[in-house]
Amino acid sequence: MKISIYCKKIKLTDKLYDYVHQKVGALEHYIDNVIECWGELDEDMAQKSGQKYRCEVQMKVPHGSIRAVKIGYDIFEAIDLVIPKLTKQIEKYKRSGEFGRGVKEKF
């Protein structure tokens, strides 16, 4: 799976690059027909709660897309928080099957 990473106000270090590829690449175990995958890492100074790092991952799949956004105190925490959300989205996408989004199988 090809993963593109875009960073705003954060320097993309080798450690961060490898971490994103390791975590998001592991999702290939759940879904194999990903056309494109990209992630956005951002530092948002406007957050009063202290959670100022945002991770957004979007996967383009046949007949739709899967997207998840999470905010954390650390960029690595934000990446860790987005993975379970993506896993749930993938399971939901797989349940919809080839019958379309939210359409039940006809008997």
Foldseek 3Di string as FASTA:
>chain_A
DDEAEAEDPDDCDPVNVVLLCVLVVVCCVLPVQFPYKYKYWYAAPPDPVQQGIKIKMKTDGPPGIQIFMATGNDNSVRSVVRRVVSVVSSVQVVVCPPVHHPDDDDD
